[in-house]
Amino acid sequence: MKSGRCGTAFFLIAVICAGLSSPFLYAQGRQVGVQTGFDEGGLIAGANFDIVDSPSENYGAYTRLYSKNDAKGAPAVFALGANFRGHYKVGIFDYYLAPGFGLLHYSENRTHLLLGPTLAYGLAADLDKNVALGIENTKIYSWVGQVRGLVKDSFLATIRFNLP
């Protein structure tokens, strides 16, 4: 990796970490979400860590790992970034939309570092006051780097836990 790209990646990671560290002083609560699913590459694993700002707003960090399958031409992708999550509750159901932005480690024949937005939307049903189960669609895009456009579009099963 060239030093210019490394410096840019370090700067973006530092900005994301600084932005995520200050809300810990003012948070009303925290949530952890775990996602899993399958696509053409195989297994997908993901996680979210959200700071609950209000009953209808969260912000935090996400990570996703997509498996590689050479036979089907599916690249390995590791995504890491920050997002905002808007919620709309109806009874036990929670509808949400989560735009974000992050770094992508994209590996097909060669490895590339990419930057781009993400969009996740989904539905979760509360099992009790601390656990929700649902489904989510995650779209990962690249705007900066060798690969551009929609990189991954996947449906994931998700379980969310409210932390004390």
Protein backbone atom coordinates (compact mmCIF):
# COMPACT_ATOMS: atom_id res chain seq x y z
CA MET A 1 0.00 0.00 0.00
CA LYS A 2 1.36 3.40 -0.92
CA SER A 3 2.02 5.86 1.89
CA GLY A 4 -0.64 8.33 0.62
CA ARG A 5 -3.35 5.66 0.80
CA CYS A 6 -2.13 4.50 4.20
CA GLY A 7 -2.21 8.06 5.54
CA THR A 8 -5.72 8.63 4.19
CA ALA A 9 -6.96 5.36 5.69
CA PHE A 10 -5.37 6.19 9.05
CA PHE A 11 -6.94 9.67 9.02
CA LEU A 12 -10.43 8.29 8.28
CA ILE A 13 -10.15 5.63 10.99
CA ALA A 14 -9.01 8.28 13.49
CA VAL A 15 -11.98 10.55 12.60
CA ILE A 16 -14.45 7.66 12.95
CA CYS A 17 -12.97 6.59 16.31
CA ALA A 18 -12.95 10.15 17.66
CA GLY A 19 -16.55 10.67 16.58
CA LEU A 20 -17.64 7.43 18.21
CA SER A 21 -15.74 7.89 21.47
CA SER A 22 -17.24 11.22 22.59
CA PRO A 23 -20.89 10.03 22.74
CA PHE A 24 -20.08 7.54 25.51
CA LEU A 25 -20.29 10.46 27.94
CA TYR A 26 -23.86 11.38 26.93
CA ALA A 27 -25.43 8.06 25.81
CA GLN A 28 -28.85 6.97 27.02
CA GLY A 29 -28.00 3.33 26.25
CA ARG A 30 -26.10 0.98 24.01
CA GLN A 31 -27.09 -1.79 21.61
CA VAL A 32 -25.15 -4.62 20.00
CA GLY A 33 -26.45 -6.34 16.89
CA VAL A 34 -25.14 -9.55 15.35
CA GLN A 35 -25.96 -10.45 11.73
CA THR A 36 -25.46 -13.57 9.65
CA GLY A 37 -26.50 -14.73 6.20
CA PHE A 38 -25.37 -16.29 2.94
CA ASP A 39 -24.63 -14.98 -0.55
CA GLU A 40 -22.78 -16.21 -3.63
CA GLY A 41 -19.48 -16.16 -1.73
CA GLY A 42 -20.76 -18.17 1.22
CA LEU A 43 -21.09 -17.05 4.81
CA ILE A 44 -21.69 -13.43 5.83
CA ALA A 45 -20.99 -12.28 9.39
CA GLY A 46 -21.59 -8.82 10.79
CA ALA A 47 -21.96 -6.74 13.91
CA ASN A 48 -23.23 -3.30 14.93
CA PHE A 49 -22.48 -1.28 18.02
CA ASP A 50 -24.95 1.57 18.48
CA ILE A 51 -25.28 4.42 20.95
CA VAL A 52 -28.96 5.09 21.71
CA ASP A 53 -29.43 8.86 21.44
CA SER A 54 -33.24 8.78 21.68
CA PRO A 55 -35.96 6.15 21.17
CA SER A 56 -35.93 6.93 17.43
CA GLU A 57 -32.21 7.66 16.81
CA ASN A 58 -28.99 5.64 17.19
CA TYR A 59 -25.53 6.10 15.82
CA GLY A 60 -22.50 3.88 15.95
CA ALA A 61 -20.22 1.53 14.07
CA TYR A 62 -20.71 -1.49 11.86
CA THR A 63 -18.58 -4.29 10.46
CA ARG A 64 -19.35 -6.92 7.82
CA LEU A 65 -17.31 -9.86 6.53
CA TYR A 66 -18.22 -11.55 3.23
CA SER A 67 -16.59 -14.85 2.22
CA LYS A 68 -14.75 -15.33 -1.07
CA ASN A 69 -15.72 -17.96 -3.66
CA ASP A 70 -13.40 -18.14 -6.68
CA ALA A 71 -15.65 -20.60 -8.54
CA LYS A 72 -18.57 -18.16 -8.49
CA GLY A 73 -16.44 -15.03 -8.85
CA ALA A 74 -17.48 -13.63 -5.47
CA PRO A 75 -14.87 -11.36 -3.85
CA ALA A 76 -14.01 -11.32 -0.17
CA VAL A 77 -15.12 -8.04 1.41
CA PHE A 78 -14.45 -6.65 4.87
CA ALA A 79 -16.42 -3.47 5.62
CA LEU A 80 -15.91 -1.18 8.61
CA GLY A 81 -17.54 2.18 9.19
CA ALA A 82 -19.95 4.46 11.02
CA ASN A 83 -23.70 4.87 10.56
CA PHE A 84 -26.82 6.62 11.80
CA ARG A 85 -29.92 4.50 12.48
CA GLY A 86 -33.40 6.01 12.46
CA HIS A 87 -36.15 3.90 14.08
CA TYR A 88 -39.93 3.86 13.79
CA LYS A 89 -41.69 1.66 16.39
CA VAL A 90 -45.13 0.18 15.90
CA GLY A 91 -46.09 -2.13 18.76
CA ILE A 92 -43.39 -4.79 19.07
CA PHE A 93 -42.03 -4.04 15.58
CA ASP A 94 -39.12 -1.71 14.92
CA TYR A 95 -38.60 -0.48 11.34
CA TYR A 96 -35.23 1.15 10.72
CA LEU A 97 -33.09 2.83 8.08
CA ALA A 98 -29.32 3.15 8.58
CA PRO A 99 -27.21 5.19 6.15
CA GLY A 100 -23.46 5.12 6.77
CA PHE A 101 -19.98 5.50 5.33
CA GLY A 102 -16.89 3.37 5.68
CA LEU A 103 -13.80 1.56 4.50
CA LEU A 104 -13.84 -1.62 2.43
CA HIS A 105 -11.10 -4.19 2.05
CA TYR A 106 -11.99 -5.78 -1.29
CA SER A 107 -10.11 -8.89 -2.43
CA GLU A 108 -10.80 -10.62 -5.74
CA ASN A 109 -7.68 -11.20 -7.85
CA ARG A 110 -5.98 -8.23 -6.22
CA THR A 111 -6.64 -6.45 -2.96
CA HIS A 112 -8.08 -2.93 -2.95
CA LEU A 113 -8.88 -0.40 -0.23
CA LEU A 114 -12.16 1.33 -1.06
CA LEU A 115 -14.34 4.05 0.50
CA GLY A 116 -18.05 4.40 0.13
CA PRO A 117 -21.53 4.63 1.61
CA THR A 118 -23.70 1.89 3.02
CA LEU A 119 -27.44 1.61 3.41
CA ALA A 120 -29.15 -0.87 5.69
CA TYR A 121 -32.86 -1.16 6.31
CA GLY A 122 -34.78 -3.74 8.21
CA LEU A 123 -37.45 -4.91 10.57
CA ALA A 124 -36.96 -6.30 14.09
CA ALA A 125 -39.50 -7.69 16.53
CA ASP A 126 -38.96 -7.28 20.27
CA LEU A 127 -38.81 -10.62 22.07
CA ASP A 128 -38.51 -8.81 25.40
CA LYS A 129 -37.19 -5.43 26.55
CA ASN A 130 -33.55 -6.43 25.91
CA VAL A 131 -33.64 -8.71 22.82
CA ALA A 132 -35.02 -8.23 19.28
CA LEU A 133 -34.94 -10.59 16.30
CA GLY A 134 -35.25 -9.45 12.69
CA ILE A 135 -34.11 -9.28 9.08
CA GLU A 136 -31.99 -6.62 7.38
CA ASN A 137 -30.96 -5.71 3.84
CA THR A 138 -27.47 -4.21 3.61
CA LYS A 139 -26.12 -2.48 0.50
CA ILE A 140 -22.42 -1.58 0.36
CA TYR A 141 -21.14 0.82 -2.29
CA SER A 142 -17.72 2.06 -3.35
CA TRP A 143 -17.17 5.62 -4.50
CA VAL A 144 -13.38 5.85 -4.15
CA GLY A 145 -10.92 3.21 -5.35
CA GLN A 146 -10.36 0.73 -8.19
CA VAL A 147 -13.84 -0.83 -7.86
CA ARG A 148 -16.86 1.50 -8.07
CA GLY A 149 -20.60 1.06 -7.64
CA LEU A 150 -22.60 -1.53 -5.70
CA VAL A 151 -20.15 -3.99 -4.14
CA LYS A 152 -22.52 -6.15 -2.03
CA ASP A 153 -26.30 -6.43 -1.59
CA SER A 154 -27.35 -8.97 1.03
CA PHE A 155 -30.16 -10.04 3.32
CA LEU A 156 -29.11 -10.88 6.87
CA ALA A 157 -30.79 -12.38 9.91
CA THR A 158 -30.14 -10.16 12.91
CA ILE A 159 -30.39 -10.33 16.68
CA ARG A 160 -30.06 -7.15 18.75
CA PHE A 161 -29.27 -6.84 22.44
CA ASN A 162 -29.75 -3.78 24.64
CA LEU A 163 -26.80 -3.35 27.00
CA PRO A 164 -27.14 -1.92 30.51
